[in-house]
C-alpha atoms as a PDB file:
ATOM      1  CA  MET A   1      -3.209   6.387  16.831  1.00  0.00           C
ATOM      2  CA  ALA A   2      -5.229   4.485  18.945  1.00  0.00           C
ATOM      3  CA  SER A   3      -5.764   0.837  18.625  1.00  0.00           C
ATOM      4  CA  SER A   4      -8.462  -0.898  19.617  1.00  0.00           C
ATOM      5  CA  ALA A   5      -6.318  -3.294  22.251  1.00  0.00           C
ATOM      6  CA  GLY A   6      -2.498  -2.784  22.374  1.00  0.00           C
ATOM      7  CA  ALA A   7       0.020  -1.940  19.311  1.00  0.00           C
ATOM      8  CA  PRO A   8      -1.605  -1.555  16.099  1.00  0.00           C
ATOM      9  CA  ILE A   9      -1.694  -4.293  13.915  1.00  0.00           C
ATOM     10  CA  VAL A  10      -1.128  -3.378  10.002  1.00  0.00           C
ATOM     11  CA  VAL A  11      -1.243  -5.126   6.856  1.00  0.00           C
ATOM     12  CA  LEU A  12       0.935  -4.363   4.140  1.00  0.00           C
ATOM     13  CA  THR A  13       0.690  -5.881   0.544  1.00  0.00           C
ATOM     14  CA  GLY A  14       3.400  -6.611  -1.813  1.00  0.00           C
ATOM     15  CA  ALA A  15       5.747  -6.303   1.023  1.00  0.00           C
ATOM     16  CA  ASN A  16       8.627  -8.574   0.454  1.00  0.00           C
ATOM     17  CA  ARG A  17      11.531  -5.989  -0.772  1.00  0.00           C
ATOM     18  CA  GLY A  18      11.799  -2.434  -1.214  1.00  0.00           C
ATOM     19  CA  ILE A  19       9.575  -0.013  -0.164  1.00  0.00           C
ATOM     20  CA  GLY A  20       7.374  -2.621   1.360  1.00  0.00           C
ATOM     21  CA  LEU A  21       9.959  -4.259   3.071  1.00  0.00           C
ATOM     22  CA  GLU A  22      11.094  -1.021   4.576  1.00  0.00           C
ATOM     23  CA  ILE A  23       7.766   0.353   5.845  1.00  0.00           C
ATOM     24  CA  CYS A  24       7.509  -2.904   7.735  1.00  0.00           C
ATOM     25  CA  ARG A  25      10.855  -2.531   9.194  1.00  0.00           C
ATOM     26  CA  GLN A  26      10.083   0.931  10.479  1.00  0.00           C
ATOM     27  CA  LEU A  27       6.778   0.123  11.795  1.00  0.00           C
ATOM     28  CA  ALA A  28       8.266  -3.093  13.780  1.00  0.00           C
ATOM     29  CA  ALA A  29      10.837  -0.718  14.893  1.00  0.00           C
ATOM     30  CA  ARG A  30       7.607   1.127  16.587  1.00  0.00           C
ATOM     31  CA  GLY A  31       6.106  -1.709  17.795  1.00  0.00           C
ATOM     32  CA  VAL A  32       3.412  -2.496  15.358  1.00  0.00           C
ATOM     33  CA  ARG A  33       2.080  -6.183  15.227  1.00  0.00           C
ATOM     34  CA  VAL A  34       3.062  -6.389  11.186  1.00  0.00           C
ATOM     35  CA  VAL A  35       1.445  -8.785   9.029  1.00  0.00           C
ATOM     36  CA  LEU A  36       3.704  -9.020   5.882  1.00  0.00           C
ATOM     37  CA  THR A  37       2.224  -9.869   2.834  1.00  0.00           C
ATOM     38  CA  ALA A  38       3.587 -11.037  -0.653  1.00  0.00           C
ATOM     39  CA  ARG A  39       2.629 -13.524  -3.868  1.00  0.00           C
ATOM     40  CA  LYS A  40       5.610 -15.906  -2.881  1.00  0.00           C
ATOM     41  CA  PRO A  41       5.745 -17.490   0.549  1.00  0.00           C
ATOM     42  CA  ASP A  42       9.810 -17.946  -0.592  1.00  0.00           C
ATOM     43  CA  ALA A  43      10.024 -14.339  -0.738  1.00  0.00           C
ATOM     44  CA  GLY A  44       8.042 -13.749   2.355  1.00  0.00           C
ATOM     45  CA  ALA A  45      10.149 -15.745   4.213  1.00  0.00           C
ATOM     46  CA  VAL A  46      13.586 -14.088   3.288  1.00  0.00           C
ATOM     47  CA  ALA A  47      11.988 -10.925   4.286  1.00  0.00           C
ATOM     48  CA  ILE A  48      10.861 -11.946   7.724  1.00  0.00           C
ATOM     49  CA  GLU A  49      14.065 -13.400   8.481  1.00  0.00           C
ATOM     50  CA  LYS A  50      15.691 -10.016   6.928  1.00  0.00           C
ATOM     51  CA  LEU A  51      13.543  -7.943   9.527  1.00  0.00           C
ATOM     52  CA  ALA A  52      14.055 -10.764  12.552  1.00  0.00           C
ATOM     53  CA  LYS A  53      18.091 -10.399  11.849  1.00  0.00           C
ATOM     54  CA  GLU A  54      17.681  -6.219  13.338  1.00  0.00           C
ATOM     55  CA  ARG A  55      15.416  -8.137  15.985  1.00  0.00           C
ATOM     56  CA  LEU A  56      12.571  -7.165  14.752  1.00  0.00           C
ATOM     57  CA  LYS A  57       9.437  -9.186  14.472  1.00  0.00           C
ATOM     58  CA  ALA A  58       6.552  -9.422  11.534  1.00  0.00           C
ATOM     59  CA  GLU A  59       4.306 -12.389  10.553  1.00  0.00           C
ATOM     60  CA  PHE A  60       3.885 -13.475   6.967  1.00  0.00           C
ATOM     61  CA  CYS A  61       0.748 -14.236   4.969  1.00  0.00           C
ATOM     62  CA  ALA A  62       0.741 -14.923   1.262  1.00  0.00           C
ATOM     63  CA  LEU A  63      -1.368 -12.546  -0.978  1.00  0.00           C
ATOM     64  CA  ASP A  64      -2.037 -12.232  -4.288  1.00  0.00           C
ATOM     65  CA  VAL A  65      -4.228  -9.006  -4.806  1.00  0.00           C
ATOM     66  CA  THR A  66      -5.244 -10.349  -7.850  1.00  0.00           C
ATOM     67  CA  ASP A  67      -6.671 -13.553  -6.547  1.00  0.00           C
ATOM     68  CA  GLY A  68      -9.886 -13.055  -4.676  1.00  0.00           C
ATOM     69  CA  LYS A  69      -9.769 -16.490  -2.690  1.00  0.00           C
ATOM     70  CA  SER A  70      -6.314 -15.173  -1.791  1.00  0.00           C
ATOM     71  CA  ILE A  71      -7.635 -12.044  -0.821  1.00  0.00           C
ATOM     72  CA  ALA A  72     -10.545 -14.058   1.336  1.00  0.00           C
ATOM     73  CA  ALA A  73      -7.719 -16.260   3.142  1.00  0.00           C
ATOM     74  CA  LEU A  74      -6.061 -13.103   4.258  1.00  0.00           C
ATOM     75  CA  ARG A  75      -9.383 -11.646   5.637  1.00  0.00           C
ATOM     76  CA  ASP A  76     -10.152 -14.807   7.212  1.00  0.00           C
ATOM     77  CA  PHE A  77      -6.521 -15.110   8.839  1.00  0.00           C
ATOM     78  CA  LEU A  78      -6.747 -11.651  10.380  1.00  0.00           C
ATOM     79  CA  LYS A  79     -10.969 -12.438  11.320  1.00  0.00           C
ATOM     80  CA  ASP A  80      -9.539 -15.238  13.176  1.00  0.00           C
ATOM     81  CA  ARG A  81      -6.046 -14.112  14.833  1.00  0.00           C
ATOM     82  CA  TYR A  82      -6.864 -10.870  16.049  1.00  0.00           C
ATOM     83  CA  GLY A  83     -10.770  -9.978  15.104  1.00  0.00           C
ATOM     84  CA  TYR A  84      -9.809  -6.635  13.500  1.00  0.00           C
ATOM     85  CA  LEU A  85      -7.147  -4.304  11.411  1.00  0.00           C
ATOM     86  CA  ASP A  86      -6.071  -0.639  12.259  1.00  0.00           C
ATOM     87  CA  VAL A  87      -4.322   0.034   9.274  1.00  0.00           C
ATOM     88  CA  LEU A  88      -4.206  -1.517   5.732  1.00  0.00           C
ATOM     89  CA  ILE A  89      -1.453  -0.471   3.392  1.00  0.00           C
ATOM     90  CA  ASN A  90      -1.736  -1.050  -0.222  1.00  0.00           C
ATOM     91  CA  ASN A  91       1.628  -1.345  -1.295  1.00  0.00           C
ATOM     92  CA  ALA A  92       1.737  -4.024  -4.361  1.00  0.00           C
ATOM     93  CA  GLY A  93       2.162  -2.687  -7.322  1.00  0.00           C
ATOM     94  CA  ILE A  94       3.887  -3.331 -10.936  1.00  0.00           C
ATOM     95  CA  ILE A  95       5.759  -1.651 -13.924  1.00  0.00           C
ATOM     96  CA  ALA A  96       4.352  -3.922 -16.855  1.00  0.00           C
ATOM     97  CA  LYS A  97       7.466  -5.330 -19.228  1.00  0.00           C
ATOM     98  CA  GLY A  98       4.617  -4.429 -22.074  1.00  0.00           C
ATOM     99  CA  GLU A  99       4.903  -0.805 -21.246  1.00  0.00           C
ATOM    100  CA  ASP A 100       4.963   1.880 -23.674  1.00  0.00           C
ATOM    101  CA  ASP A 101       3.243   5.138 -24.771  1.00  0.00           C
ATOM    102  CA  ALA A 102      -0.290   5.476 -24.616  1.00  0.00           C
ATOM    103  CA  LEU A 103      -0.815   5.123 -28.340  1.00  0.00           C
ATOM    104  CA  LYS A 104       1.783   1.735 -28.729  1.00  0.00           C
ATOM    105  CA  VAL A 105       0.654   0.409 -25.462  1.00  0.00           C
ATOM    106  CA  ASP A 106      -1.040  -3.174 -25.708  1.00  0.00           C
ATOM    107  CA  LEU A 107      -4.081  -3.036 -24.012  1.00  0.00           C
ATOM    108  CA  ALA A 108      -3.320  -6.750 -22.439  1.00  0.00           C
ATOM    109  CA  THR A 109      -0.607  -4.724 -20.480  1.00  0.00           C
ATOM    110  CA  VAL A 110      -2.917  -2.036 -19.451  1.00  0.00           C
ATOM    111  CA  ARG A 111      -5.657  -4.504 -18.179  1.00  0.00           C
ATOM    112  CA  ALA A 112      -2.818  -6.713 -16.602  1.00  0.00           C
ATOM    113  CA  THR A 113      -1.289  -3.903 -14.564  1.00  0.00           C
ATOM    114  CA  LEU A 114      -5.185  -1.982 -13.707  1.00  0.00           C
ATOM    115  CA  GLU A 115      -5.944  -5.305 -12.054  1.00  0.00           C
ATOM    116  CA  THR A 116      -2.745  -4.932  -9.705  1.00  0.00           C
ATOM    117  CA  ASN A 117      -2.281  -1.666  -9.026  1.00  0.00           C
ATOM    118  CA  ALA A 118      -5.727   0.015  -8.781  1.00  0.00           C
ATOM    119  CA  LEU A 119      -8.591  -3.154  -8.742  1.00  0.00           C
ATOM    120  CA  GLY A 120      -6.122  -5.158  -6.336  1.00  0.00           C
ATOM    121  CA  PRO A 121      -6.284  -2.435  -3.534  1.00  0.00           C
ATOM    122  CA  LEU A 122     -10.243  -2.078  -4.356  1.00  0.00           C
ATOM    123  CA  HIS A 123     -10.747  -5.689  -3.464  1.00  0.00           C
ATOM    124  CA  VAL A 124      -8.640  -5.724  -0.529  1.00  0.00           C
ATOM    125  CA  ALA A 125     -10.157  -2.744   0.834  1.00  0.00           C
ATOM    126  CA  GLN A 126     -13.734  -4.178   0.142  1.00  0.00           C
ATOM    127  CA  GLU A 127     -12.784  -7.536   2.065  1.00  0.00           C
ATOM    128  CA  LEU A 128     -10.661  -5.559   5.063  1.00  0.00           C
ATOM    129  CA  ALA A 129     -13.151  -2.676   5.468  1.00  0.00           C
ATOM    130  CA  PRO A 130     -15.067  -4.594   8.267  1.00  0.00           C
ATOM    131  CA  LEU A 131     -12.295  -5.066  10.340  1.00  0.00           C
ATOM    132  CA  LEU A 132     -10.929  -1.568   9.740  1.00  0.00           C
ATOM    133  CA  LYS A 133     -14.448  -0.559  11.047  1.00  0.00           C
ATOM    134  CA  HIS A 134     -14.234  -2.355  14.366  1.00  0.00           C
ATOM    135  CA  SER A 135     -10.419  -0.294  15.074  1.00  0.00           C
ATOM    136  CA  LYS A 136     -10.578   2.966  17.150  1.00  0.00           C
ATOM    137  CA  GLY A 137      -8.793   4.534  13.937  1.00  0.00           C
ATOM    138  CA  GLY A 138      -9.003   2.458  10.983  1.00  0.00           C
ATOM    139  CA  ARG A 139      -6.567   3.831   7.978  1.00  0.00           C
ATOM    140  CA  ILE A 140      -6.350   2.643   4.511  1.00  0.00           C
ATOM    141  CA  VAL A 141      -2.920   3.908   3.030  1.00  0.00           C
ATOM    142  CA  ASN A 142      -2.671   3.524  -0.919  1.00  0.00           C
ATOM    143  CA  MET A 143       1.089   3.859  -2.312  1.00  0.00           C
ATOM    144  CA  SER A 144       0.257   5.741  -5.821  1.00  0.00           C
ATOM    145  CA  SER A 145       2.863   7.945  -7.490  1.00  0.00           C
ATOM    146  CA  GLY A 146       3.159  11.396  -8.943  1.00  0.00           C
ATOM    147  CA  MET A 147       2.937   9.987 -12.400  1.00  0.00           C
ATOM    148  CA  GLY A 148      -1.062   9.331 -11.425  1.00  0.00           C
ATOM    149  CA  GLU A 149      -1.273  13.351 -11.072  1.00  0.00           C
ATOM    150  CA  LEU A 150      -3.713  14.735 -13.444  1.00  0.00           C
ATOM    151  CA  SER A 151      -2.298  17.724 -12.521  1.00  0.00           C
ATOM    152  CA  ASP A 152       1.434  17.279 -13.972  1.00  0.00           C
ATOM    153  CA  ASN A 153       1.330  14.227 -16.279  1.00  0.00           C
ATOM    154  CA  SER A 154       4.538  14.159 -18.678  1.00  0.00           C
ATOM    155  CA  GLY A 155       3.149  10.918 -20.719  1.00  0.00           C
ATOM    156  CA  GLY A 156       5.259   7.775 -21.305  1.00  0.00           C
ATOM    157  CA  HIS A 157       4.447   4.860 -18.687  1.00  0.00           C
ATOM    158  CA  ALA A 158       0.793   4.617 -19.993  1.00  0.00           C
ATOM    159  CA  ALA A 159      -0.186   1.809 -17.994  1.00  0.00           C
ATOM    160  CA  TYR A 160       1.327   2.410 -14.934  1.00  0.00           C
ATOM    161  CA  ARG A 161       0.066   6.414 -15.053  1.00  0.00           C
ATOM    162  CA  MET A 162      -3.342   4.874 -15.802  1.00  0.00           C
ATOM    163  CA  SER A 163      -3.295   2.719 -13.136  1.00  0.00           C
ATOM    164  CA  LYS A 164      -1.997   5.048 -10.572  1.00  0.00           C
ATOM    165  CA  THR A 165      -4.797   7.722 -11.734  1.00  0.00           C
ATOM    166  CA  ALA A 166      -7.566   4.840 -11.248  1.00  0.00           C
ATOM    167  CA  LEU A 167      -5.782   4.292  -7.542  1.00  0.00           C
ATOM    168  CA  ASN A 168      -6.454   7.700  -6.553  1.00  0.00           C
ATOM    169  CA  ALA A 169      -9.946   7.687  -7.500  1.00  0.00           C
ATOM    170  CA  VAL A 170     -10.449   4.279  -5.559  1.00  0.00           C
ATOM    171  CA  THR A 171      -8.960   6.331  -2.452  1.00  0.00           C
ATOM    172  CA  ALA A 172     -10.875   9.809  -3.026  1.00  0.00           C
ATOM    173  CA  THR A 173     -14.089   7.285  -3.209  1.00  0.00           C
ATOM    174  CA  LEU A 174     -13.437   5.101  -0.619  1.00  0.00           C
ATOM    175  CA  ALA A 175     -12.577   8.095   1.295  1.00  0.00           C
ATOM    176  CA  ALA A 176     -16.460   9.343   1.004  1.00  0.00           C
ATOM    177  CA  GLU A 177     -18.150   6.515   1.542  1.00  0.00           C
ATOM    178  CA  LEU A 178     -16.010   5.297   4.819  1.00  0.00           C
ATOM    179  CA  ARG A 179     -15.862   9.041   6.408  1.00  0.00           C
ATOM    180  CA  GLY A 180     -15.871   9.014   9.934  1.00  0.00           C
ATOM    181  CA  THR A 181     -14.621   5.706  10.373  1.00  0.00           C
ATOM    182  CA  VAL A 182     -11.789   4.943   8.523  1.00  0.00           C
ATOM    183  CA  ALA A 183      -9.308   7.659   6.725  1.00  0.00           C
ATOM    184  CA  VAL A 184      -8.223   6.728   3.796  1.00  0.00           C
ATOM    185  CA  ASN A 185      -5.606   8.246   1.666  1.00  0.00           C
ATOM    186  CA  SER A 186      -2.757   8.214  -1.597  1.00  0.00           C
ATOM    187  CA  VAL A 187       0.891   8.307  -0.733  1.00  0.00           C
ATOM    188  CA  CYS A 188       3.464   9.162  -3.396  1.00  0.00           C
ATOM    189  CA  PRO A 189       6.860   8.114  -2.121  1.00  0.00           C
ATOM    190  CA  GLY A 190       9.013  10.419  -4.732  1.00  0.00           C
ATOM    191  CA  TRP A 191      11.634   8.778  -6.733  1.00  0.00           C
ATOM    192  CA  VAL A 192      13.225   5.967  -4.603  1.00  0.00           C
ATOM    193  CA  LYS A 193      16.080   3.952  -5.113  1.00  0.00           C
ATOM    194  CA  THR A 194      14.557   0.670  -5.471  1.00  0.00           C
ATOM    195  CA  ASP A 195      14.358  -2.115  -7.978  1.00  0.00           C
ATOM    196  CA  MET A 196      11.381  -0.312  -9.755  1.00  0.00           C
ATOM    197  CA  GLY A 197      12.664   3.305  -9.071  1.00  0.00           C
ATOM    198  CA  GLY A 198      16.559   2.365 -10.125  1.00  0.00           C
ATOM    199  CA  PRO A 199      19.675   3.134  -8.713  1.00  0.00           C
ATOM    200  CA  HIS A 200      19.670   6.855  -9.748  1.00  0.00           C
ATOM    201  CA  ALA A 201      16.257   7.809  -7.916  1.00  0.00           C
ATOM    202  CA  ALA A 202      16.755  10.655  -5.422  1.00  0.00           C
ATOM    203  CA  LEU A 203      15.449   9.308  -2.363  1.00  0.00           C
ATOM    204  CA  GLU A 204      16.951   6.709  -0.038  1.00  0.00           C
ATOM    205  CA  VAL A 205      14.109   4.271   0.861  1.00  0.00           C
ATOM    206  CA  ALA A 206      13.668   4.945   4.241  1.00  0.00           C
ATOM    207  CA  GLU A 207      12.921   8.405   2.647  1.00  0.00           C
ATOM    208  CA  GLY A 208      10.284   6.813   0.630  1.00  0.00           C
ATOM    209  CA  ALA A 209       8.660   5.161   3.477  1.00  0.00           C
ATOM    210  CA  ASP A 210       8.282   7.703   5.201  1.00  0.00           C
ATOM    211  CA  SER A 211       4.912   9.691   4.491  1.00  0.00           C
ATOM    212  CA  ALA A 212       3.204   5.832   4.558  1.00  0.00           C
ATOM    213  CA  VAL A 213       4.484   5.072   8.223  1.00  0.00           C
ATOM    214  CA  TRP A 214       3.113   8.954   8.976  1.00  0.00           C
ATOM    215  CA  LEU A 215      -0.251   8.209   7.529  1.00  0.00           C
ATOM    216  CA  ALA A 216      -0.496   4.372   9.182  1.00  0.00           C
ATOM    217  CA  LEU A 217       0.535   5.936  12.532  1.00  0.00           C
ATOM    218  CA  ASP A 218       0.612   9.466  13.132  1.00  0.00           C
ATOM    219  CA  ALA A 219      -1.372  11.611  10.677  1.00  0.00           C
ATOM    220  CA  PRO A 220      -4.608  13.346  11.958  1.00  0.00           C
ATOM    221  CA  GLN A 221      -7.318  10.901  11.749  1.00  0.00           C
ATOM    222  CA  LYS A 222      -9.238  13.555  10.231  1.00  0.00           C
ATOM    223  CA  LEU A 223      -6.880  13.918   7.246  1.00  0.00           C
ATOM    224  CA  THR A 224      -8.517  11.380   4.445  1.00  0.00           C
ATOM    225  CA  GLY A 225      -9.146  11.725   0.691  1.00  0.00           C
ATOM    226  CA  LYS A 226      -6.311  13.345  -0.240  1.00  0.00           C
ATOM    227  CA  PHE A 227      -2.642  12.530  -1.973  1.00  0.00           C
ATOM    228  CA  ILE A 228       0.155  12.779   0.268  1.00  0.00           C
ATOM    229  CA  ARG A 229       4.310  13.640  -0.498  1.00  0.00           C
ATOM    230  CA  GLY A 230       6.720  14.589   1.897  1.00  0.00           C
ATOM    231  CA  ARG A 231       3.688  14.738   5.081  1.00  0.00           C
ATOM    232  CA  LYS A 232       2.108  17.547   2.738  1.00  0.00           C
ATOM    233  CA  VAL A 233      -1.191  17.573   0.545  1.00  0.00           C
ATOM    234  CA  ILE A 234      -0.039  17.665  -3.181  1.00  0.00           C
ATOM    235  CA  PRO A 235      -2.782  18.541  -5.528  1.00  0.00           C
ATOM    236  CA  TRP A 236      -4.293  15.114  -7.513  1.00  0.00           C
END
């Protein structure tokens, strides 16, 4: 992709571990200027140190995607430091402790999950879109899940499923409204061996990060409003 000046600037939310940290690792290895965010500064510092031990550079900015003031602070940091942004990767997400089937799950659990997994990415995109429009090839990558597909939904983990379906709707709506200026896509990383995916998952973390990195740097700019797995478009 073409950036406004020099190496692309990429922001990742919830990037202190798992797939988020691996995406940072792969991007940094390609010379990208990575801004790694996480809710807890201590966790962010540990992640930056891990990358530094591999001779990979990234900078940290604290971010809680459910806190408007925190999102505004990230926007101001990027505006003051760079004046533009090439890629936003909305990776922050939760599976709440109160998860259950749709007929049993507490609505407070649904609301909390939607707040982080769908409304958070929307709010971050709203605040950072003006900076993305200053890029020659702005992109938003929303980390979704196959559990959010309407075409193949088996039930269970209702709050998480609903939140990822809503995130896919955020993707489609933003893609339509930003068409011609910022490409917006959802990505399903697959079932990945992370704290969330568990040790029996089918994919290694590096494999789970691949499509997001591809969308951030290599995919055609005209590819927008799609759901991607394994670098291929899949049904919603």
